[in-house]
Amino acid sequence: MHTTSIVQAPSLTLASGVAIPDSKMVREVTELVRDTENSLLFNHSSRVYYFAAASGKRKGLT
Protein backbone atom coordinates (compact mmCIF):
# COMPACT_ATOMS: atom_id res chain seq x y z
CA MET A 1 0.00 0.00 0.00
CA HIS A 2 1.39 3.37 -1.03
CA THR A 3 0.69 6.36 1.18
CA THR A 4 1.49 9.94 0.42
CA SER A 5 2.39 12.35 3.15
CA ILE A 6 1.96 16.07 2.83
CA VAL A 7 4.82 18.08 4.24
CA GLN A 8 3.79 21.44 5.59
CA ALA A 9 6.08 24.07 4.11
CA PRO A 10 6.84 27.25 6.00
CA SER A 11 4.71 30.19 5.00
CA LEU A 12 4.41 33.92 5.40
CA THR A 13 1.22 35.10 7.11
CA LEU A 14 -0.21 38.48 6.19
CA ALA A 15 -2.00 40.77 8.64
CA SER A 16 -5.30 39.46 7.24
CA GLY A 17 -4.34 35.99 8.46
CA VAL A 18 -3.82 34.72 4.91
CA ALA A 19 -0.83 32.41 4.65
CA ILE A 20 1.35 32.60 1.57
CA PRO A 21 2.76 29.12 0.98
CA ASP A 22 6.51 28.73 0.62
CA SER A 23 7.38 25.53 -1.16
CA LYS A 24 9.65 24.58 -4.02
CA MET A 25 6.68 24.40 -6.39
CA VAL A 26 5.41 27.86 -5.38
CA ARG A 27 8.86 29.38 -5.83
CA GLU A 28 9.28 27.72 -9.25
CA VAL A 29 5.87 28.86 -10.49
CA THR A 30 6.50 32.38 -9.18
CA GLU A 31 9.82 32.48 -11.01
CA LEU A 32 8.23 31.16 -14.21
CA VAL A 33 5.46 33.76 -14.19
CA ARG A 34 7.86 36.60 -13.35
CA ASP A 35 10.21 35.48 -16.16
CA THR A 36 7.55 35.02 -18.84
CA GLU A 37 4.83 37.56 -18.06
CA ASN A 38 4.77 41.24 -17.26
CA SER A 39 4.47 42.57 -13.72
CA LEU A 40 0.86 43.64 -14.32
CA LEU A 41 -0.25 40.01 -14.72
CA PHE A 42 1.86 38.79 -11.80
CA ASN A 43 0.52 41.49 -9.47
CA HIS A 44 -3.06 40.88 -10.61
CA SER A 45 -2.70 37.14 -9.99
CA SER A 46 -1.27 37.80 -6.54
CA ARG A 47 -4.17 40.10 -5.64
CA VAL A 48 -6.68 37.49 -6.82
CA TYR A 49 -5.02 34.88 -4.58
CA TYR A 50 -4.97 37.20 -1.53
CA PHE A 51 -8.58 38.26 -2.02
CA ALA A 52 -9.86 34.71 -2.53
CA ALA A 53 -7.86 33.36 0.42
CA ALA A 54 -9.09 36.16 2.70
CA SER A 55 -12.67 35.62 1.54
CA GLY A 56 -12.40 31.88 2.15
CA LYS A 57 -10.92 32.47 5.60
CA ARG A 58 -13.72 34.90 6.47
CA LYS A 59 -16.28 32.29 5.39
CA GLY A 60 -14.58 29.60 7.45
CA LEU A 61 -13.39 27.60 4.45
CA THR A 62 -9.75 27.45 5.50
PDB file of N, CA and C in Angstrom:
ATOM      1  N   MET A   1       0.844  -1.179   0.000  1.00  0.00           N
ATOM      2  CA  MET A   1       0.000   0.000   0.000  1.00  0.00           C
ATOM      3  C   MET A   1       0.885   1.236   0.000  1.00  0.00           C
ATOM      4  N   HIS A   2       0.603   2.147  -0.910  1.00  0.00           N
ATOM      5  CA  HIS A   2       1.389   3.371  -1.028  1.00  0.00           C
ATOM      6  C   HIS A   2       0.639   4.513  -0.358  1.00  0.00           C
ATOM      7  N   THR A   3       1.302   5.190   0.540  1.00  0.00           N
ATOM      8  CA  THR A   3       0.692   6.359   1.177  1.00  0.00           C
ATOM      9  C   THR A   3       1.508   7.586   0.833  1.00  0.00           C
ATOM     10  N   THR A   4       0.838   8.682   0.718  1.00  0.00           N
ATOM     11  CA  THR A   4       1.495   9.944   0.421  1.00  0.00           C
ATOM     12  C   THR A   4       1.364  10.849   1.625  1.00  0.00           C
ATOM     13  N   SER A   5       2.468  11.410   2.042  1.00  0.00           N
ATOM     14  CA  SER A   5       2.393  12.355   3.147  1.00  0.00           C
ATOM     15  C   SER A   5       2.551  13.764   2.598  1.00  0.00           C
ATOM     16  N   ILE A   6       1.873  14.665   3.215  1.00  0.00           N
ATOM     17  CA  ILE A   6       1.965  16.066   2.826  1.00  0.00           C
ATOM     18  C   ILE A   6       2.852  16.757   3.845  1.00  0.00           C
ATOM     19  N   VAL A   7       3.907  17.371   3.356  1.00  0.00           N
ATOM     20  CA  VAL A   7       4.822  18.080   4.236  1.00  0.00           C
ATOM     21  C   VAL A   7       4.404  19.538   4.260  1.00  0.00           C
ATOM     22  N   GLN A   8       4.187  20.048   5.442  1.00  0.00           N
ATOM     23  CA  GLN A   8       3.793  21.441   5.590  1.00  0.00           C
ATOM     24  C   GLN A   8       5.017  22.325   5.391  1.00  0.00           C
ATOM     25  N   ALA A   9       4.975  23.148   4.368  1.00  0.00           N
ATOM     26  CA  ALA A   9       6.078  24.070   4.109  1.00  0.00           C
ATOM     27  C   ALA A   9       5.887  25.326   4.944  1.00  0.00           C
ATOM     28  N   PRO A  10       6.973  25.992   5.288  1.00  0.00           N
ATOM     29  CA  PRO A  10       6.837  27.253   6.004  1.00  0.00           C
ATOM     30  C   PRO A  10       6.074  28.250   5.140  1.00  0.00           C
ATOM     31  N   SER A  11       5.450  29.202   5.768  1.00  0.00           N
ATOM     32  CA  SER A  11       4.714  30.191   4.996  1.00  0.00           C
ATOM     33  C   SER A  11       4.815  31.554   5.661  1.00  0.00           C
ATOM     34  N   LEU A  12       4.471  32.559   4.906  1.00  0.00           N
ATOM     35  CA  LEU A  12       4.406  33.923   5.400  1.00  0.00           C
ATOM     36  C   LEU A  12       2.941  34.219   5.656  1.00  0.00           C
ATOM     37  N   THR A  13       2.613  34.773   6.802  1.00  0.00           N
ATOM     38  CA  THR A  13       1.224  35.095   7.107  1.00  0.00           C
ATOM     39  C   THR A  13       1.048  36.605   7.091  1.00  0.00           C
ATOM     40  N   LEU A  14       0.091  37.054   6.297  1.00  0.00           N
ATOM     41  CA  LEU A  14      -0.206  38.480   6.193  1.00  0.00           C
ATOM     42  C   LEU A  14      -1.056  38.927   7.374  1.00  0.00           C
ATOM     43  N   ALA A  15      -1.198  40.223   7.543  1.00  0.00           N
ATOM     44  CA  ALA A  15      -2.000  40.775   8.638  1.00  0.00           C
ATOM     45  C   ALA A  15      -3.440  40.272   8.584  1.00  0.00           C
ATOM     46  N   SER A  16      -3.930  39.958   7.398  1.00  0.00           N
ATOM     47  CA  SER A  16      -5.300  39.461   7.243  1.00  0.00           C
ATOM     48  C   SER A  16      -5.445  38.023   7.720  1.00  0.00           C
ATOM     49  N   GLY A  17      -4.314  37.388   8.044  1.00  0.00           N
ATOM     50  CA  GLY A  17      -4.343  35.991   8.455  1.00  0.00           C
ATOM     51  C   GLY A  17      -4.168  35.031   7.299  1.00  0.00           C
ATOM     52  N   VAL A  18      -4.016  35.555   6.096  1.00  0.00           N
ATOM     53  CA  VAL A  18      -3.818  34.719   4.915  1.00  0.00           C
ATOM     54  C   VAL A  18      -2.368  34.256   4.882  1.00  0.00           C
ATOM     55  N   ALA A  19      -2.178  32.961   4.736  1.00  0.00           N
ATOM     56  CA  ALA A  19      -0.828  32.406   4.652  1.00  0.00           C
ATOM     57  C   ALA A  19      -0.413  32.290   3.190  1.00  0.00           C
ATOM     58  N   ILE A  20       0.784  32.738   2.906  1.00  0.00           N
ATOM     59  CA  ILE A  20       1.346  32.595   1.566  1.00  0.00           C
ATOM     60  C   ILE A  20       2.280  31.393   1.617  1.00  0.00           C
ATOM     61  N   PRO A  21       1.942  30.324   0.914  1.00  0.00           N
ATOM     62  CA  PRO A  21       2.761  29.118   0.982  1.00  0.00           C
ATOM     63  C   PRO A  21       4.180  29.364   0.475  1.00  0.00           C
ATOM     64  N   ASP A  22       5.118  28.656   1.057  1.00  0.00           N
ATOM     65  CA  ASP A  22       6.511  28.735   0.624  1.00  0.00           C
ATOM     66  C   ASP A  22       7.006  27.314   0.416  1.00  0.00           C
ATOM     67  N   SER A  23       6.904  26.870  -0.810  1.00  0.00           N
ATOM     68  CA  SER A  23       7.381  25.531  -1.158  1.00  0.00           C
ATOM     69  C   SER A  23       8.184  25.642  -2.445  1.00  0.00           C
ATOM     70  N   LYS A  24       8.862  24.583  -2.787  1.00  0.00           N
ATOM     71  CA  LYS A  24       9.647  24.578  -4.021  1.00  0.00           C
ATOM     72  C   LYS A  24       8.746  24.855  -5.227  1.00  0.00           C
ATOM     73  N   MET A  25       7.587  24.218  -5.262  1.00  0.00           N
ATOM     74  CA  MET A  25       6.680  24.402  -6.389  1.00  0.00           C
ATOM     75  C   MET A  25       6.217  25.858  -6.491  1.00  0.00           C
ATOM     76  N   VAL A  26       5.861  26.462  -5.367  1.00  0.00           N
ATOM     77  CA  VAL A  26       5.405  27.856  -5.379  1.00  0.00           C
ATOM     78  C   VAL A  26       6.523  28.770  -5.876  1.00  0.00           C
ATOM     79  N   ARG A  27       7.732  28.549  -5.387  1.00  0.00           N
ATOM     80  CA  ARG A  27       8.861  29.383  -5.826  1.00  0.00           C
ATOM     81  C   ARG A  27       9.132  29.208  -7.320  1.00  0.00           C
ATOM     82  N   GLU A  28       9.041  27.971  -7.826  1.00  0.00           N
ATOM     83  CA  GLU A  28       9.283  27.720  -9.252  1.00  0.00           C
ATOM     84  C   GLU A  28       8.205  28.367 -10.123  1.00  0.00           C
ATOM     85  N   VAL A  29       6.960  28.259  -9.707  1.00  0.00           N
ATOM     86  CA  VAL A  29       5.871  28.864 -10.485  1.00  0.00           C
ATOM     87  C   VAL A  29       5.987  30.388 -10.454  1.00  0.00           C
ATOM     88  N   THR A  30       6.315  30.932  -9.290  1.00  0.00           N
ATOM     89  CA  THR A  30       6.500  32.383  -9.182  1.00  0.00           C
ATOM     90  C   THR A  30       7.608  32.846 -10.121  1.00  0.00           C
ATOM     91  N   GLU A  31       8.709  32.127 -10.126  1.00  0.00           N
ATOM     92  CA  GLU A  31       9.822  32.483 -11.008  1.00  0.00           C
ATOM     93  C   GLU A  31       9.412  32.385 -12.477  1.00  0.00           C
ATOM     94  N   LEU A  32       8.685  31.329 -12.832  1.00  0.00           N
ATOM     95  CA  LEU A  32       8.233  31.155 -14.212  1.00  0.00           C
ATOM     96  C   LEU A  32       7.351  32.321 -14.648  1.00  0.00           C
ATOM     97  N   VAL A  33       6.376  32.668 -13.825  1.00  0.00           N
ATOM     98  CA  VAL A  33       5.463  33.759 -14.191  1.00  0.00           C
ATOM     99  C   VAL A  33       6.220  35.080 -14.276  1.00  0.00           C
ATOM    100  N   ARG A  34       7.089  35.337 -13.322  1.00  0.00           N
ATOM    101  CA  ARG A  34       7.856  36.597 -13.353  1.00  0.00           C
ATOM    102  C   ARG A  34       8.777  36.662 -14.573  1.00  0.00           C
ATOM    103  N   ASP A  35       9.297  35.509 -15.006  1.00  0.00           N
ATOM    104  CA  ASP A  35      10.210  35.480 -16.155  1.00  0.00           C
ATOM    105  C   ASP A  35       9.490  35.554 -17.498  1.00  0.00           C
ATOM    106  N   THR A  36       8.235  35.121 -17.544  1.00  0.00           N
ATOM    107  CA  THR A  36       7.555  35.018 -18.838  1.00  0.00           C
ATOM    108  C   THR A  36       6.418  36.014 -19.029  1.00  0.00           C
ATOM    109  N   GLU A  37       5.951  36.626 -17.963  1.00  0.00           N
ATOM    110  CA  GLU A  37       4.830  37.562 -18.060  1.00  0.00           C
ATOM    111  C   GLU A  37       5.242  38.920 -17.501  1.00  0.00           C
ATOM    112  N   ASN A  38       4.436  39.920 -17.784  1.00  0.00           N
ATOM    113  CA  ASN A  38       4.770  41.239 -17.257  1.00  0.00           C
ATOM    114  C   ASN A  38       4.298  41.372 -15.809  1.00  0.00           C
ATOM    115  N   SER A  39       4.777  42.397 -15.138  1.00  0.00           N
ATOM    116  CA  SER A  39       4.467  42.571 -13.716  1.00  0.00           C
ATOM    117  C   SER A  39       2.981  42.832 -13.487  1.00  0.00           C
ATOM    118  N   LEU A  40       2.296  43.398 -14.460  1.00  0.00           N
ATOM    119  CA  LEU A  40       0.861  43.644 -14.324  1.00  0.00           C
ATOM    120  C   LEU A  40       0.111  42.329 -14.086  1.00  0.00           C
ATOM    121  N   LEU A  41       0.419  41.304 -14.876  1.00  0.00           N
ATOM    122  CA  LEU A  41      -0.252  40.013 -14.722  1.00  0.00           C
ATOM    123  C   LEU A  41       0.146  39.341 -13.407  1.00  0.00           C
ATOM    124  N   PHE A  42       1.425  39.399 -13.058  1.00  0.00           N
ATOM    125  CA  PHE A  42       1.864  38.792 -11.800  1.00  0.00           C
ATOM    126  C   PHE A  42       1.168  39.454 -10.613  1.00  0.00           C
ATOM    127  N   ASN A  43       1.154  40.773 -10.589  1.00  0.00           N
ATOM    128  CA  ASN A  43       0.525  41.489  -9.474  1.00  0.00           C
ATOM    129  C   ASN A  43      -0.978  41.230  -9.419  1.00  0.00           C
ATOM    130  N   HIS A  44      -1.626  41.180 -10.566  1.00  0.00           N
ATOM    131  CA  HIS A  44      -3.059  40.882 -10.606  1.00  0.00           C
ATOM    132  C   HIS A  44      -3.321  39.483 -10.035  1.00  0.00           C
ATOM    133  N   SER A  45      -2.532  38.517 -10.468  1.00  0.00           N
ATOM    134  CA  SER A  45      -2.702  37.143  -9.987  1.00  0.00           C
ATOM    135  C   SER A  45      -2.491  37.056  -8.482  1.00  0.00           C
ATOM    136  N   SER A  46      -1.520  37.787  -7.978  1.00  0.00           N
ATOM    137  CA  SER A  46      -1.269  37.805  -6.535  1.00  0.00           C
ATOM    138  C   SER A  46      -2.461  38.389  -5.785  1.00  0.00           C
ATOM    139  N   ARG A  47      -2.998  39.494  -6.289  1.00  0.00           N
ATOM    140  CA  ARG A  47      -4.166  40.104  -5.636  1.00  0.00           C
ATOM    141  C   ARG A  47      -5.360  39.165  -5.651  1.00  0.00           C
ATOM    142  N   VAL A  48      -5.571  38.448  -6.739  1.00  0.00           N
ATOM    143  CA  VAL A  48      -6.677  37.489  -6.821  1.00  0.00           C
ATOM    144  C   VAL A  48      -6.504  36.406  -5.757  1.00  0.00           C
ATOM    145  N   TYR A  49      -5.281  35.896  -5.603  1.00  0.00           N
ATOM    146  CA  TYR A  49      -5.021  34.878  -4.579  1.00  0.00           C
ATOM    147  C   TYR A  49      -5.316  35.433  -3.186  1.00  0.00           C
ATOM    148  N   TYR A  50      -4.780  36.621  -2.872  1.00  0.00           N
ATOM    149  CA  TYR A  50      -4.969  37.201  -1.535  1.00  0.00           C
ATOM    150  C   TYR A  50      -6.447  37.429  -1.244  1.00  0.00           C
ATOM    151  N   PHE A  51      -7.169  37.978  -2.218  1.00  0.00           N
ATOM    152  CA  PHE A  51      -8.584  38.264  -2.025  1.00  0.00           C
ATOM    153  C   PHE A  51      -9.372  36.970  -1.808  1.00  0.00           C
ATOM    154  N   ALA A  52      -9.127  35.973  -2.648  1.00  0.00           N
ATOM    155  CA  ALA A  52      -9.857  34.706  -2.531  1.00  0.00           C
ATOM    156  C   ALA A  52      -9.522  33.996  -1.220  1.00  0.00           C
ATOM    157  N   ALA A  53      -8.255  34.016  -0.834  1.00  0.00           N
ATOM    158  CA  ALA A  53      -7.858  33.365   0.417  1.00  0.00           C
ATOM    159  C   ALA A  53      -8.478  34.077   1.619  1.00  0.00           C
ATOM    160  N   ALA A  54      -8.484  35.407   1.602  1.00  0.00           N
ATOM    161  CA  ALA A  54      -9.089  36.165   2.704  1.00  0.00           C
ATOM    162  C   ALA A  54     -10.598  35.926   2.755  1.00  0.00           C
ATOM    163  N   SER A  55     -11.232  35.878   1.598  1.00  0.00           N
ATOM    164  CA  SER A  55     -12.670  35.621   1.540  1.00  0.00           C
ATOM    165  C   SER A  55     -12.991  34.221   2.072  1.00  0.00           C
ATOM    166  N   GLY A  56     -12.203  33.242   1.662  1.00  0.00           N
ATOM    167  CA  GLY A  56     -12.404  31.877   2.154  1.00  0.00           C
ATOM    168  C   GLY A  56     -12.186  31.776   3.654  1.00  0.00           C
ATOM    169  N   LYS A  57     -11.189  32.477   4.153  1.00  0.00           N
ATOM    170  CA  LYS A  57     -10.916  32.470   5.596  1.00  0.00           C
ATOM    171  C   LYS A  57     -12.088  33.098   6.354  1.00  0.00           C
ATOM    172  N   ARG A  58     -12.592  34.209   5.828  1.00  0.00           N
ATOM    173  CA  ARG A  58     -13.717  34.897   6.471  1.00  0.00           C
ATOM    174  C   ARG A  58     -14.962  34.010   6.503  1.00  0.00           C
ATOM    175  N   LYS A  59     -15.124  33.185   5.470  1.00  0.00           N
ATOM    176  CA  LYS A  59     -16.282  32.290   5.388  1.00  0.00           C
ATOM    177  C   LYS A  59     -16.052  30.964   6.103  1.00  0.00           C
ATOM    178  N   GLY A  60     -14.876  30.817   6.713  1.00  0.00           N
ATOM    179  CA  GLY A  60     -14.579  29.596   7.452  1.00  0.00           C
ATOM    180  C   GLY A  60     -14.201  28.418   6.579  1.00  0.00           C
ATOM    181  N   LEU A  61     -13.736  28.680   5.379  1.00  0.00           N
ATOM    182  CA  LEU A  61     -13.390  27.601   4.452  1.00  0.00           C
ATOM    183  C   LEU A  61     -11.950  27.130   4.592  1.00  0.00           C
ATOM    184  N   THR A  62     -11.150  27.849   5.353  1.00  0.00           N
ATOM    185  CA  THR A  62      -9.748  27.448   5.504  1.00  0.00           C
ATOM    186  C   THR A  62      -9.442  27.085   6.931  1.00  0.00           C
TER     187      THR A  62
END
